[in-house]
Amino acid sequence: MFDTLTNSFKGLVNKIRFQDDDKALERSLDELKKILLRNDVYHKVSKDIILQVESECKKSAKSGIGRDAFKKALETSLLNIFSGNYGFTFASKPPTIVLMVGLQGSGKTTSSAKLANYLKLRGKKVLLVACDLQRLAAVDQLRQLSSEIEVDFFSRDTKDSLNVAKEAIAFSKDSTYDVVIIDTAGRLAINNELMNELKEIKSITKADEIFYVLDSLSGQDAVRSADSFNKEIGLSGVILSKFDSDTKGGIALSVAKQIGVPIRFIGSGEKIPDLDIFLPDRIVGRLMGAGDVAGFIEKTTAIVDEKEVKSLTKKIKKGNFTFVDFLSQLENIKKMGSMKSLISMMPGLGAMGDALKNVDIDNSVEIKNIKAMVSSMTPKERENPSILNGSRKKRIAAGCGLEVSDINRSLKQFETASKMAKQMSSPNGVKNIMNMINGASLNKMR
């Protein structure tokens, strides 16, 4: 996500000397133009960015330009493009009605579930409504996703989507829901019959938000389609789906500038928690390689209970981190989303995202072995791994289908993780971890 753009921006800025001349500005602007066009930014949008950066640079630097001036000008230009209403806006009187619209295959159903999960984690009561009656299995898919994230689901055994929408709204008002998310069928803006149906659903439901789900991999065609939908029914926001697969990221700039409708959320991975609120300063921070620490903290606080954190911190400091705690934290990490999405939020670690894109806690061999091992332990052994002697290890290995050597390796990994957690919880945590890593490297060299 933004990988190519971020690396290109950083490389460009680093080429500029701290004080440089007008010819250097001209060369830098020319390279910036090439970077934007290579990364799927629409040519008119690229031109606007170039003009803004040039103007800002000349304003801020009386004698030529400097690296800081160029970087600040680029950040200002990007922020101007992304300005607008972001995140989720609740109606003054609940429930807030949301229509999810877009082309077939854009990811509307999955995005509906992701949005429902996002709101649920923030304490809202959500109802998912199945109004995609065109695609086979769409209703079953939404039903399964709603069960997975534990939010209520509404459907009717009919092919009349207008009737389903009408009954769903009546049901939601009788059941004190905060938000109703209606998953509609994919359609082309040129299909008059289906567009008229969508207009009627909008009228019946009195929708507060109309989100267009745009497949980030579809390029300029998807932008033109979103513009057509906006002119036909009026969009209040865009959700960029499959954005984690788009290493260029230029589509975000094109969408925001060309359509004039704000991007509200981005799908940052395949998992349900992989939906990030689109806040301009955070997104520009990612584009410029500064990460999104605030977003990471927000995800963490939405998942992890404050009392649980305090209790766990005390246990770690005392060296009492157990397998029960370990498995509990794994579940919390799963709720936060994919590893690649989380890594991309940390400053300077974005490049690690590709290396970790296939890391899946559910399917990791190491994690599966640890879970199998823990399931074969007694409650006392789970709470106190230090009592695991030879005979206990043999019994555990036999019970979970592993070798004693596998048990020893998993215990060693757990012991290392516990030590690192304890070091991190100390006042000089990061320094201690670096010392441990450097010490391990020196030992390997000897």
Protein backbone atom coordinates (compact mmCIF):
# COMPACT_ATOMS: atom_id res chain seq x y z
CA MET A 1 0.00 0.00 0.00
CA PHE A 2 1.65 3.23 -1.26
CA ASP A 3 4.94 1.26 -1.37
CA THR A 4 6.12 2.49 -4.77
CA LEU A 5 4.91 6.06 -4.31
CA THR A 6 6.43 6.30 -0.82
CA ASN A 7 9.81 4.97 -1.92
CA SER A 8 9.80 7.24 -4.97
CA PHE A 9 8.93 10.34 -2.92
CA LYS A 10 11.65 9.55 -0.38
CA GLY A 11 14.23 8.97 -3.12
CA LEU A 12 13.29 12.22 -4.85
CA VAL A 13 13.48 14.34 -1.68
CA ASN A 14 16.81 12.81 -0.67
CA LYS A 15 18.36 13.82 -4.01
CA ILE A 16 17.73 17.49 -3.26
CA ARG A 17 20.48 19.31 -1.40
CA PHE A 18 19.53 21.31 1.69
CA GLN A 19 19.87 24.47 -0.41
CA ASP A 20 19.53 24.15 -4.16
CA ASP A 21 18.91 26.33 -7.23
CA ASP A 22 16.02 26.83 -9.63
CA LYS A 23 17.43 24.33 -12.10
CA ALA A 24 17.36 21.71 -9.37
CA LEU A 25 13.70 22.57 -8.74
CA GLU A 26 12.95 22.12 -12.42
CA ARG A 27 14.68 18.73 -12.47
CA SER A 28 12.88 17.65 -9.29
CA LEU A 29 9.48 18.68 -10.64
CA ASP A 30 10.13 16.78 -13.86
CA GLU A 31 11.03 13.66 -11.90
CA LEU A 32 7.98 14.13 -9.65
CA LYS A 33 5.77 14.26 -12.75
CA LYS A 34 7.23 10.96 -14.00
CA ILE A 35 6.73 9.37 -10.56
CA LEU A 36 3.06 10.39 -10.43
CA LEU A 37 2.27 9.17 -13.96
CA ARG A 38 4.09 5.85 -13.38
CA ASN A 39 1.94 5.30 -10.29
CA ASP A 40 -1.46 5.69 -12.00
CA VAL A 41 -2.11 9.31 -11.03
CA TYR A 42 -4.34 10.88 -13.68
CA HIS A 43 -2.40 13.28 -15.91
CA LYS A 44 -4.53 16.33 -15.02
CA VAL A 45 -4.15 15.56 -11.32
CA SER A 46 -0.39 15.18 -11.79
CA LYS A 47 -0.26 18.56 -13.49
CA ASP A 48 -2.12 20.23 -10.60
CA ILE A 49 0.26 18.69 -8.06
CA ILE A 50 3.31 19.89 -10.01
CA LEU A 51 1.98 23.45 -10.23
CA GLN A 52 1.13 23.54 -6.51
CA VAL A 53 4.52 22.18 -5.45
CA GLU A 54 6.32 24.68 -7.70
CA SER A 55 4.27 27.57 -6.34
CA GLU A 56 4.76 26.56 -2.69
CA CYS A 57 8.52 26.06 -3.16
CA LYS A 58 8.98 29.50 -4.68
CA LYS A 59 6.94 31.12 -1.91
CA SER A 60 8.90 29.52 0.93
CA ALA A 61 12.39 29.91 -0.48
CA LYS A 62 13.61 33.32 -1.71
CA SER A 63 16.94 31.99 -2.97
CA GLY A 64 16.33 28.71 -4.73
CA ILE A 65 14.83 25.72 -2.92
CA GLY A 66 15.82 23.35 -0.18
CA ARG A 67 15.03 19.75 0.69
CA ASP A 68 12.69 20.72 3.53
CA ALA A 69 10.88 23.29 1.41
CA PHE A 70 10.26 20.78 -1.38
CA LYS A 71 9.06 18.10 1.05
CA LYS A 72 6.70 20.52 2.82
CA ALA A 73 5.34 21.77 -0.53
CA LEU A 74 4.63 18.19 -1.65
CA GLU A 75 2.91 17.38 1.66
CA THR A 76 0.77 20.55 1.39
CA SER A 77 -0.28 19.66 -2.15
CA LEU A 78 -1.29 16.12 -1.14
CA LEU A 79 -3.24 17.41 1.87
CA ASN A 80 -5.13 19.85 -0.37
CA ILE A 81 -6.17 16.99 -2.66
CA PHE A 82 -7.42 14.88 0.25
CA SER A 83 -9.28 17.70 2.05
CA GLY A 84 -12.93 17.00 2.84
CA ASN A 85 -15.25 15.04 5.10
CA TYR A 86 -13.64 11.78 6.26
CA GLY A 87 -14.43 8.81 8.45
CA PHE A 88 -17.99 8.01 9.43
CA THR A 89 -20.72 10.59 10.06
CA PHE A 90 -23.63 9.52 12.23
CA ALA A 91 -27.16 10.81 11.65
CA SER A 92 -28.61 13.12 14.31
CA LYS A 93 -31.27 10.50 14.99
CA PRO A 94 -30.38 6.78 14.74
CA PRO A 95 -30.22 4.59 12.87
CA THR A 96 -27.70 5.93 10.34
CA ILE A 97 -28.59 4.34 6.99
CA VAL A 98 -25.69 3.40 4.69
CA LEU A 99 -26.04 2.23 1.08
CA MET A 100 -23.08 0.30 -0.34
CA VAL A 101 -23.00 0.70 -4.12
CA GLY A 102 -20.63 0.01 -7.02
CA LEU A 103 -19.74 -2.34 -9.84
CA GLN A 104 -19.94 -6.11 -9.72
CA GLY A 105 -16.88 -7.69 -8.15
CA SER A 106 -15.67 -4.49 -6.49
CA GLY A 107 -15.86 -6.00 -3.00
CA LYS A 108 -19.11 -4.46 -1.74
CA THR A 109 -20.21 -7.42 0.37
CA THR A 110 -16.85 -7.86 2.10
CA SER A 111 -16.53 -4.09 2.57
CA SER A 112 -20.01 -4.03 4.14
CA ALA A 113 -18.88 -6.60 6.70
CA LYS A 114 -15.60 -4.75 7.30
CA LEU A 115 -17.46 -1.50 7.93
CA ALA A 116 -19.92 -3.28 10.26
CA ASN A 117 -17.01 -4.77 12.21
CA TYR A 118 -15.27 -1.37 12.40
CA LEU A 119 -18.39 0.22 13.90
CA LYS A 120 -19.12 -2.70 16.21
CA LEU A 121 -15.64 -2.47 17.75
CA ARG A 122 -16.47 1.14 18.55
CA GLY A 123 -19.55 0.19 20.49
CA LYS A 124 -22.25 0.56 17.83
CA LYS A 125 -25.15 -1.81 17.25
CA VAL A 126 -25.13 -2.67 13.54
CA LEU A 127 -27.56 -4.41 11.20
CA LEU A 128 -26.34 -5.87 7.88
CA VAL A 129 -29.02 -6.03 5.18
CA ALA A 130 -28.79 -8.31 2.13
CA CYS A 131 -30.18 -6.40 -0.86
CA ASP A 132 -27.84 -7.91 -3.46
CA LEU A 133 -30.36 -10.27 -5.01
CA GLN A 134 -28.66 -10.35 -8.43
CA ARG A 135 -25.50 -12.29 -7.61
CA LEU A 136 -25.78 -15.94 -6.68
CA ALA A 137 -24.68 -16.67 -3.10
CA ALA A 138 -24.39 -12.95 -2.20
CA VAL A 139 -27.00 -13.33 0.54
CA ASP A 140 -25.29 -16.43 1.95
CA GLN A 141 -21.91 -14.70 1.86
CA LEU A 142 -23.20 -11.72 3.85
CA ARG A 143 -24.99 -14.04 6.29
CA GLN A 144 -21.77 -15.95 6.90
CA LEU A 145 -19.73 -12.77 7.37
CA SER A 146 -22.26 -11.29 9.79
CA SER A 147 -22.10 -14.50 11.84
CA GLU A 148 -18.29 -14.35 11.82
CA ILE A 149 -18.18 -10.79 13.20
CA GLU A 150 -21.27 -11.33 15.40
CA VAL A 151 -23.54 -8.58 14.09
CA ASP A 152 -27.24 -8.93 13.24
CA PHE A 153 -28.31 -9.90 9.74
CA PHE A 154 -31.51 -9.16 7.80
CA SER A 155 -32.79 -10.86 4.64
CA ARG A 156 -36.04 -12.00 3.07
CA ASP A 157 -36.84 -14.89 0.73
CA THR A 158 -37.74 -12.69 -2.23
CA LYS A 159 -36.26 -11.20 -5.39
CA ASP A 160 -37.72 -7.76 -4.61
CA SER A 161 -34.84 -5.69 -3.23
CA LEU A 162 -37.09 -2.67 -2.68
CA ASN A 163 -39.32 -4.67 -0.36
CA VAL A 164 -36.29 -6.03 1.55
CA ALA A 165 -34.96 -2.50 2.03
CA LYS A 166 -38.33 -1.19 3.22
CA GLU A 167 -38.83 -4.02 5.74
CA ALA A 168 -35.24 -3.73 6.98
CA ILE A 169 -35.65 -0.03 7.80
CA ALA A 170 -38.90 -0.69 9.66
CA PHE A 171 -37.27 -3.54 11.58
CA SER A 172 -34.19 -1.46 12.47
CA LYS A 173 -36.23 1.40 13.93
CA ASP A 174 -38.13 -1.02 16.16
CA SER A 175 -34.88 -2.62 17.38
CA THR A 176 -32.75 0.41 18.35
CA TYR A 177 -29.89 -0.05 15.89
CA ASP A 178 -27.22 2.64 15.57
CA VAL A 179 -26.30 1.83 11.97
CA VAL A 180 -27.93 -0.09 9.11
CA ILE A 181 -25.63 -1.13 6.26
CA ILE A 182 -27.40 -2.17 3.06
CA ASP A 183 -25.40 -4.28 0.59
CA THR A 184 -26.84 -3.60 -2.88
CA ALA A 185 -26.27 -5.45 -6.16
CA GLY A 186 -23.40 -4.49 -8.44
CA ARG A 187 -24.48 -2.54 -11.50
CA LEU A 188 -23.23 -0.32 -14.32
CA ALA A 189 -24.23 3.34 -14.35
CA ILE A 190 -25.40 2.90 -17.95
CA ASN A 191 -27.92 0.20 -16.90
CA ASN A 192 -30.99 2.42 -16.53
CA GLU A 193 -33.21 -0.25 -15.00
CA LEU A 194 -30.79 -1.12 -12.19
CA MET A 195 -29.85 2.52 -11.59
CA ASN A 196 -33.54 3.41 -11.23
CA GLU A 197 -33.87 0.57 -8.73
CA LEU A 198 -30.96 2.03 -6.76
CA LYS A 199 -32.56 5.47 -6.79
CA GLU A 200 -35.77 3.96 -5.39
CA ILE A 201 -33.83 2.17 -2.62
CA LYS A 202 -32.19 5.49 -1.76
CA SER A 203 -35.61 7.17 -1.62
CA ILE A 204 -37.25 4.39 0.43
CA THR A 205 -34.45 4.17 2.97
CA LYS A 206 -33.68 7.92 3.10
CA ALA A 207 -30.02 6.92 3.17
CA ASP A 208 -27.68 9.16 5.17
CA GLU A 209 -24.51 7.82 3.54
CA ILE A 210 -23.97 6.40 0.05
CA PHE A 211 -20.57 4.72 -0.18
CA TYR A 212 -19.17 3.75 -3.55
CA VAL A 213 -16.88 0.71 -3.21
CA LEU A 214 -14.09 1.15 -5.74
CA ASP A 215 -11.72 -1.67 -6.67
CA SER A 216 -8.26 -0.08 -6.41
CA LEU A 217 -6.90 -2.40 -9.09
CA SER A 218 -9.42 -1.25 -11.72
CA GLY A 219 -7.57 1.96 -12.55
CA GLN A 220 -9.03 4.92 -14.41
CA ASP A 221 -12.11 2.97 -15.59
CA ALA A 222 -13.24 2.61 -11.97
CA VAL A 223 -12.76 6.34 -11.39
CA ARG A 224 -14.95 7.16 -14.40
CA SER A 225 -17.59 4.73 -13.16
CA ALA A 226 -17.58 6.31 -9.69
CA ASP A 227 -18.02 9.73 -11.32
CA SER A 228 -21.05 8.41 -13.24
CA PHE A 229 -22.61 7.01 -10.05
CA ASN A 230 -22.04 10.34 -8.33
CA LYS A 231 -23.85 12.22 -11.08
CA GLU A 232 -26.74 9.70 -11.08
CA ILE A 233 -27.46 9.25 -7.36
CA GLY A 234 -25.00 11.45 -5.45
CA LEU A 235 -22.22 9.79 -3.45
CA SER A 236 -21.18 10.85 0.05
CA GLY A 237 -17.95 8.86 0.10
CA VAL A 238 -15.69 6.26 -1.47
CA ILE A 239 -14.29 3.08 0.06
CA LEU A 240 -11.15 1.89 -1.73
CA SER A 241 -11.21 -1.91 -1.66
CA LYS A 242 -8.23 -4.22 -2.33
CA PHE A 243 -5.91 -1.29 -1.69
CA ASP A 244 -3.30 -3.55 -0.11
CA SER A 245 -2.76 -5.19 -3.52
CA ASP A 246 -2.15 -1.85 -5.24
CA THR A 247 1.55 -1.12 -4.59
CA LYS A 248 1.36 2.10 -6.62
CA GLY A 249 -1.42 3.86 -4.69
CA GLY A 250 -1.95 6.64 -7.23
CA ILE A 251 -5.63 5.74 -7.57
CA ALA A 252 -6.29 7.44 -4.21
CA LEU A 253 -5.06 10.78 -5.55
CA SER A 254 -7.03 10.41 -8.78
CA VAL A 255 -10.28 9.51 -7.01
CA ALA A 256 -10.13 12.36 -4.51
CA LYS A 257 -9.27 15.00 -7.10
CA GLN A 258 -11.34 13.91 -10.11
CA ILE A 259 -14.66 13.00 -8.49
CA GLY A 260 -14.70 15.56 -5.71
CA VAL A 261 -16.06 12.94 -3.30
CA PRO A 262 -13.96 12.18 -0.21
CA ILE A 263 -12.36 8.80 0.38
CA ARG A 264 -13.79 7.61 3.69
CA PHE A 265 -12.12 4.22 4.25
CA ILE A 266 -9.50 1.99 2.63
CA GLY A 267 -9.40 -1.80 2.59
CA SER A 268 -5.84 -2.55 3.73
CA GLY A 269 -5.95 -6.37 3.60
CA GLU A 270 -8.09 -9.45 3.05
CA LYS A 271 -9.13 -9.94 6.68
CA ILE A 272 -12.27 -8.39 8.13
CA PRO A 273 -10.37 -6.03 10.51
CA ASP A 274 -8.35 -4.69 7.56
CA LEU A 275 -10.33 -1.49 7.10
CA ASP A 276 -8.65 1.83 7.91
CA ILE A 277 -10.30 5.19 8.33
CA PHE A 278 -9.02 7.62 5.70
CA LEU A 279 -7.68 10.70 7.49
CA PRO A 280 -5.68 13.05 5.24
CA ASP A 281 -2.81 13.82 7.62
CA ARG A 282 -2.32 10.11 8.40
CA ILE A 283 -2.46 9.06 4.74
CA VAL A 284 -0.01 11.78 3.71
CA GLY A 285 2.21 10.64 6.59
CA ARG A 286 2.24 7.13 5.10
CA LEU A 287 2.91 8.49 1.62
CA MET A 288 5.91 10.44 2.91
CA GLY A 289 7.24 7.41 4.84
CA ALA A 290 6.28 8.61 8.33
CA GLY A 291 3.88 5.71 9.01
CA ASP A 292 0.63 6.04 10.96
CA VAL A 293 1.33 5.52 14.65
CA ALA A 294 -1.97 7.20 15.61
CA GLY A 295 -3.87 4.71 13.45
CA PHE A 296 -1.99 1.82 15.00
CA ILE A 297 -2.85 3.05 18.51
CA GLU A 298 -6.49 3.50 17.52
CA LYS A 299 -6.69 -0.08 16.26
CA THR A 300 -5.05 -1.36 19.42
CA THR A 301 -7.31 0.53 21.82
CA ALA A 302 -10.41 -0.62 19.92
CA ILE A 303 -9.40 -4.26 20.42
CA VAL A 304 -7.51 -4.51 23.71
CA ASP A 305 -9.14 -3.89 27.06
CA GLU A 306 -7.26 -1.33 29.21
CA LYS A 307 -7.53 -3.46 32.35
CA GLU A 308 -6.19 -6.47 30.46
CA VAL A 309 -3.18 -4.43 29.29
CA LYS A 310 -2.36 -3.27 32.83
CA SER A 311 -2.68 -6.80 34.21
CA LEU A 312 -0.54 -8.25 31.43
CA THR A 313 2.14 -5.56 31.89
CA LYS A 314 2.43 -6.41 35.58
CA LYS A 315 2.77 -10.12 34.79
CA ILE A 316 5.43 -9.48 32.12
CA LYS A 317 7.49 -7.32 34.48
CA LYS A 318 7.44 -10.10 37.06
CA GLY A 319 8.35 -12.69 34.40
CA ASN A 320 4.98 -14.43 34.77
CA PHE A 321 3.97 -14.39 31.08
CA THR A 322 2.18 -17.71 30.45
CA PHE A 323 0.95 -19.71 27.46
CA VAL A 324 -2.59 -18.62 28.31
CA ASP A 325 -1.48 -14.97 27.99
CA PHE A 326 0.37 -15.76 24.77
CA LEU A 327 -2.66 -17.32 23.07
CA SER A 328 -4.87 -14.49 24.32
CA GLN A 329 -2.58 -11.92 22.70
CA LEU A 330 -2.54 -13.89 19.44
CA GLU A 331 -6.32 -13.60 19.31
CA ASN A 332 -6.05 -9.83 19.87
CA ILE A 333 -3.53 -9.50 17.04
CA LYS A 334 -5.84 -11.45 14.70
CA LYS A 335 -8.63 -8.98 15.46
CA MET A 336 -6.40 -6.06 14.48
CA GLY A 337 -5.92 -7.31 10.91
CA SER A 338 -3.19 -8.64 8.67
CA MET A 339 0.47 -8.36 9.69
CA LYS A 340 1.31 -6.45 6.50
CA SER A 341 -1.35 -3.84 7.29
CA LEU A 342 -0.05 -3.34 10.85
CA ILE A 343 3.61 -3.14 9.79
CA SER A 344 2.78 -0.50 7.16
CA MET A 345 1.63 1.83 9.97
CA MET A 346 5.01 1.84 11.70
CA PRO A 347 7.54 4.51 10.62
CA GLY A 348 10.45 3.06 8.68
CA LEU A 349 9.00 -0.46 8.64
CA GLY A 350 6.75 -0.20 5.59
CA ALA A 351 9.24 -2.10 3.44
CA MET A 352 8.82 -5.11 5.72
CA GLY A 353 5.20 -5.38 4.64
CA ASP A 354 5.96 -7.46 1.55
CA ALA A 355 8.12 -9.85 3.54
CA LEU A 356 5.26 -10.33 6.00
CA LYS A 357 2.34 -10.25 3.56
CA ASN A 358 1.92 -14.03 3.72
CA VAL A 359 2.27 -14.28 7.51
CA ASP A 360 -1.01 -15.70 8.72
CA ILE A 361 -1.40 -16.43 12.41
CA ASP A 362 -4.10 -19.00 11.72
CA ASN A 363 -1.99 -20.94 9.21
CA SER A 364 1.54 -20.50 10.58
CA VAL A 365 3.16 -23.90 11.25
CA GLU A 366 4.87 -22.56 14.37
CA ILE A 367 1.65 -21.14 15.78
CA LYS A 368 -0.27 -24.33 14.95
CA ASN A 369 2.38 -26.36 16.82
CA ILE A 370 2.21 -24.09 19.85
CA LYS A 371 -1.61 -24.25 19.91
CA ALA A 372 -1.51 -28.05 19.63
CA MET A 373 1.09 -28.23 22.38
CA VAL A 374 -0.89 -25.96 24.72
CA SER A 375 -4.07 -27.95 24.12
CA SER A 376 -2.26 -31.07 25.44
CA MET A 377 -1.07 -29.35 28.62
CA THR A 378 -2.77 -29.37 31.97
CA PRO A 379 -4.07 -26.03 33.30
CA LYS A 380 -1.14 -25.94 35.73
CA GLU A 381 1.39 -26.45 32.92
CA ARG A 382 -0.15 -23.67 30.84
CA GLU A 383 0.16 -21.23 33.72
CA ASN A 384 3.65 -22.34 34.73
CA PRO A 385 5.78 -23.55 31.76
CA SER A 386 8.85 -23.87 34.01
CA ILE A 387 7.54 -27.18 35.46
CA LEU A 388 7.75 -28.93 32.08
CA ASN A 389 10.28 -31.74 32.63
CA GLY A 390 11.21 -34.64 30.34
CA SER A 391 8.27 -36.90 31.20
CA ARG A 392 5.75 -34.08 30.87
CA LYS A 393 7.15 -33.14 27.45
CA LYS A 394 6.85 -36.76 26.26
CA ARG A 395 3.22 -36.88 27.39
CA ILE A 396 2.42 -33.55 25.68
CA ALA A 397 4.17 -34.62 22.46
CA ALA A 398 2.20 -37.87 22.33
CA GLY A 399 -1.04 -36.03 23.00
CA CYS A 400 -0.65 -33.50 20.17
CA GLY A 401 1.14 -35.60 17.56
CA LEU A 402 4.48 -33.77 17.75
CA GLU A 403 8.03 -34.86 18.51
CA VAL A 404 9.72 -33.93 21.80
CA SER A 405 12.18 -31.91 19.69
CA ASP A 406 9.21 -29.85 18.37
CA ILE A 407 8.09 -29.23 21.96
CA ASN A 408 11.59 -28.11 22.98
CA ARG A 409 11.84 -25.76 19.99
CA SER A 410 8.44 -24.18 20.72
CA LEU A 411 9.34 -23.76 24.39
CA LYS A 412 12.60 -22.07 23.40
CA GLN A 413 10.73 -19.67 21.09
CA PHE A 414 8.26 -18.89 23.84
CA GLU A 415 11.07 -18.29 26.34
CA THR A 416 12.76 -15.84 23.92
CA ALA A 417 9.47 -14.02 23.33
CA SER A 418 8.91 -13.75 27.11
CA LYS A 419 12.38 -12.28 27.62
CA MET A 420 11.85 -9.73 24.88
CA ALA A 421 8.45 -8.77 26.32
CA LYS A 422 10.03 -8.29 29.74
CA GLN A 423 12.84 -6.17 28.27
CA MET A 424 10.35 -4.04 26.33
CA SER A 425 8.32 -3.35 29.47
CA SER A 426 11.34 -1.77 31.22
CA PRO A 427 12.11 1.99 31.05
CA ASN A 428 14.94 1.40 28.55
CA GLY A 429 12.98 -1.22 26.60
CA VAL A 430 14.03 -0.44 23.04
CA LYS A 431 17.70 -0.01 24.05
CA ASN A 432 17.67 -3.36 25.86
CA ILE A 433 16.18 -5.14 22.84
CA MET A 434 18.85 -3.67 20.55
CA ASN A 435 21.54 -4.86 22.98
CA MET A 436 20.03 -8.36 22.92
CA ILE A 437 19.98 -8.40 19.10
CA ASN A 438 23.55 -7.07 18.84
CA GLY A 439 24.73 -9.63 21.41
CA ALA A 440 23.12 -12.45 19.46
CA SER A 441 24.79 -11.21 16.25
CA LEU A 442 28.21 -11.10 17.93
CA ASN A 443 27.77 -14.63 19.26
CA LYS A 444 27.02 -15.90 15.74
CA MET A 445 30.20 -14.27 14.44
CA ARG A 446 32.46 -15.92 17.02
